[in-house]
Protein backbone atom coordinates (compact mmCIF):
# COMPACT_ATOMS: atom_id res chain seq x y z
CA PRO A 1 127.09 150.95 22.14
CA THR A 2 130.34 151.73 23.96
CA THR A 3 131.80 148.23 23.50
CA ILE A 4 131.14 145.53 20.90
CA LYS A 5 132.13 141.88 21.37
CA GLU A 6 132.50 139.59 18.32
CA ARG A 7 132.59 135.86 18.89
CA ARG A 8 133.32 133.39 16.01
CA SER A 9 133.43 129.64 16.00
CA VAL A 10 134.32 126.86 13.57
CA GLU A 11 133.37 123.21 13.40
CA TYR A 12 135.90 120.61 12.41
CA ASN A 13 135.52 116.92 11.56
CA PHE A 14 138.13 114.71 13.24
CA SER A 15 139.05 111.29 11.82
CA LYS A 16 139.19 108.21 13.94
CA ALA A 17 141.06 105.18 12.81
CA GLN A 18 142.50 102.16 14.44
CA GLY A 19 146.21 102.64 15.36
CA GLN A 20 146.02 106.42 14.75
CA LEU A 21 147.92 108.39 17.37
CA PHE A 22 146.35 111.77 16.72
CA PRO A 23 143.15 112.61 14.75
CA GLN A 24 143.37 114.36 11.50
CA SER A 25 141.21 117.40 11.19
CA GLN A 26 139.12 118.59 8.31
CA PHE A 27 137.25 121.88 8.06
CA GLY A 28 133.54 121.28 8.59
CA MET A 29 131.87 124.70 8.48
CA ILE A 30 131.93 128.14 10.01
CA GLY A 31 129.95 128.20 13.23
CA ASN A 32 127.83 130.96 14.52
CA THR A 33 129.13 134.53 14.56
CA GLU A 34 127.74 136.38 17.56
CA LEU A 35 127.93 140.05 18.24
CA THR A 36 127.09 141.31 21.74
CA PHE A 37 126.74 144.90 22.81
CA LYS A 38 124.87 147.12 25.23
CA LEU A 39 122.41 149.91 24.30
CA PHE A 40 121.71 152.80 26.66
CA PHE A 41 118.44 154.79 26.82
CA HIS A 42 118.13 157.70 29.23
CA HIS A 43 115.74 160.64 29.31
CA ALA A 44 115.55 162.81 32.37
CA LYS A 45 112.38 164.84 31.57
CA THR A 46 109.97 162.33 30.06
CA SER A 47 109.96 158.59 29.64
CA ILE A 48 108.05 158.55 26.31
CA GLY A 49 111.20 158.17 24.19
CA VAL A 50 112.63 155.47 26.42
CA LEU A 51 109.43 153.45 26.47
CA GLN A 52 109.04 153.72 22.72
CA ASN A 53 112.58 152.40 22.16
CA VAL A 54 111.93 149.49 24.53
CA MET A 55 108.72 148.54 22.66
CA LEU A 56 110.56 148.74 19.29
CA LEU A 57 113.32 146.50 20.56
CA ARG A 58 110.86 143.94 21.85
CA GLN A 59 109.37 143.66 18.36
CA LEU A 60 112.75 142.47 17.03
CA VAL A 61 112.36 139.12 18.82
CA LEU A 62 108.79 138.45 17.59
CA PRO A 63 107.82 136.69 14.41
CA LEU A 64 107.02 138.98 11.48
CA THR A 65 103.37 137.86 11.54
CA VAL A 66 101.80 137.76 14.99
CA ARG A 67 98.22 138.53 13.82
CA SER A 68 97.60 134.89 12.73
CA ARG A 69 97.38 132.03 15.13
CA LEU A 70 100.81 130.51 15.49
CA THR A 71 101.15 126.74 15.72
CA HIS A 72 104.09 124.66 16.99
CA TYR A 73 105.01 123.52 13.44
CA SER A 74 104.67 126.84 11.67
CA GLN A 75 107.76 128.08 9.92
CA ILE A 76 107.72 131.77 10.75
CA GLN A 77 110.49 134.00 9.56
CA PRO A 78 112.08 136.27 12.16
CA PRO A 79 112.98 139.94 11.33
CA LEU A 80 116.23 139.78 9.34
CA LEU A 81 118.42 142.77 10.02
CA ASP A 82 121.49 144.45 8.52
CA LEU A 83 123.68 145.64 11.37
CA ASN A 84 126.11 148.29 10.11
CA LEU A 85 129.05 148.73 12.49
CA GLY A 86 131.05 151.01 10.16
CA GLY A 87 134.72 149.97 10.06
CA ILE A 88 134.05 146.70 11.88
CA GLY A 89 131.70 145.58 9.09
CA VAL A 90 128.12 145.02 8.03
CA PHE A 91 126.45 141.91 9.45
CA ASN A 92 123.27 140.20 8.39
CA GLY A 93 121.31 138.31 10.93
CA VAL A 94 118.75 138.20 13.79
CA ILE A 95 118.48 139.36 17.34
CA LYS A 96 118.87 136.22 19.46
CA ASP A 97 118.65 137.71 22.92
CA LEU A 98 117.58 140.96 24.58
CA GLU A 99 118.05 141.61 28.32
CA PHE A 100 116.52 144.79 29.69
CA ASN A 101 117.84 146.33 32.88
CA TYR A 102 115.55 149.07 34.15
CA LEU A 103 117.97 151.25 36.22
CA GLN A 104 115.56 154.14 36.88
CA TYR A 105 111.82 154.50 36.49
CA ASP A 106 109.07 156.88 37.65
CA LYS A 107 108.06 155.92 41.16
CA THR A 108 104.30 156.45 40.56
CA THR A 109 103.75 155.23 36.95
CA LEU A 110 106.78 152.80 36.65
CA GLN A 111 107.50 154.35 33.25
CA PRO A 112 111.20 153.61 32.48
CA LEU A 113 113.56 156.56 32.56
CA HIS A 114 116.98 154.83 32.31
CA VAL A 115 117.33 151.47 30.58
CA GLU A 116 120.29 149.42 29.56
CA VAL A 117 119.72 146.62 27.03
CA ASP A 118 122.17 143.76 26.42
CA VAL A 119 121.79 142.64 22.81
CA THR A 120 123.01 139.33 21.20
CA PHE A 121 122.99 139.37 17.42
CA VAL A 122 123.63 136.17 15.43
CA CYS A 123 124.73 136.31 11.78
CA THR A 124 122.63 134.21 9.36
CA SER A 125 123.06 133.12 5.72
CA LYS A 126 121.86 135.22 2.81
CA GLY A 127 122.87 132.57 0.26
CA ILE A 128 126.28 131.21 -0.82
CA ASP A 129 127.20 134.19 -3.03
CA GLN A 130 126.29 136.86 -0.48
CA ASP A 131 127.96 134.79 2.32
CA ASN A 132 131.23 134.61 0.29
CA LEU A 133 131.19 138.33 -0.32
CA HIS A 134 130.53 139.00 3.38
CA ILE A 135 133.48 136.79 4.47
CA GLN A 136 135.76 138.46 1.89
CA SER A 137 134.75 141.96 3.06
CA LEU A 138 135.57 141.03 6.71
CA THR A 139 138.80 139.16 6.18
CA LYS A 140 140.18 140.62 2.92
CA VAL A 141 140.66 137.08 1.53
């Protein structure tokens, strides 16, 4: 990626009491941390590498087990990933959204030659101890 966007949110609980002019706030929880970035795939001579990368990325938004019949109430785990962004940090989570933009493709076979993919990655919990270590590594608290 050439640019990486990090979005963090927090949820507060606000008190409501009769006669109170302004609400008091209390920390509720850390909201979702989302990372968005764009991936570029381009191959001028053959589209095999581009198509393979597209297929691999598509698998990241599928349940880990797609061989069995999925029902509405099944609790299926998504692929959990460690996204290492070097000096920015290491993030644990899932791919929430992929948007493929096919900029160039073979005119006879429609095989992709140049693809840009917008990726949205959402951090997920690995347990309280790992989450605390993660926050400390990112904030030096």
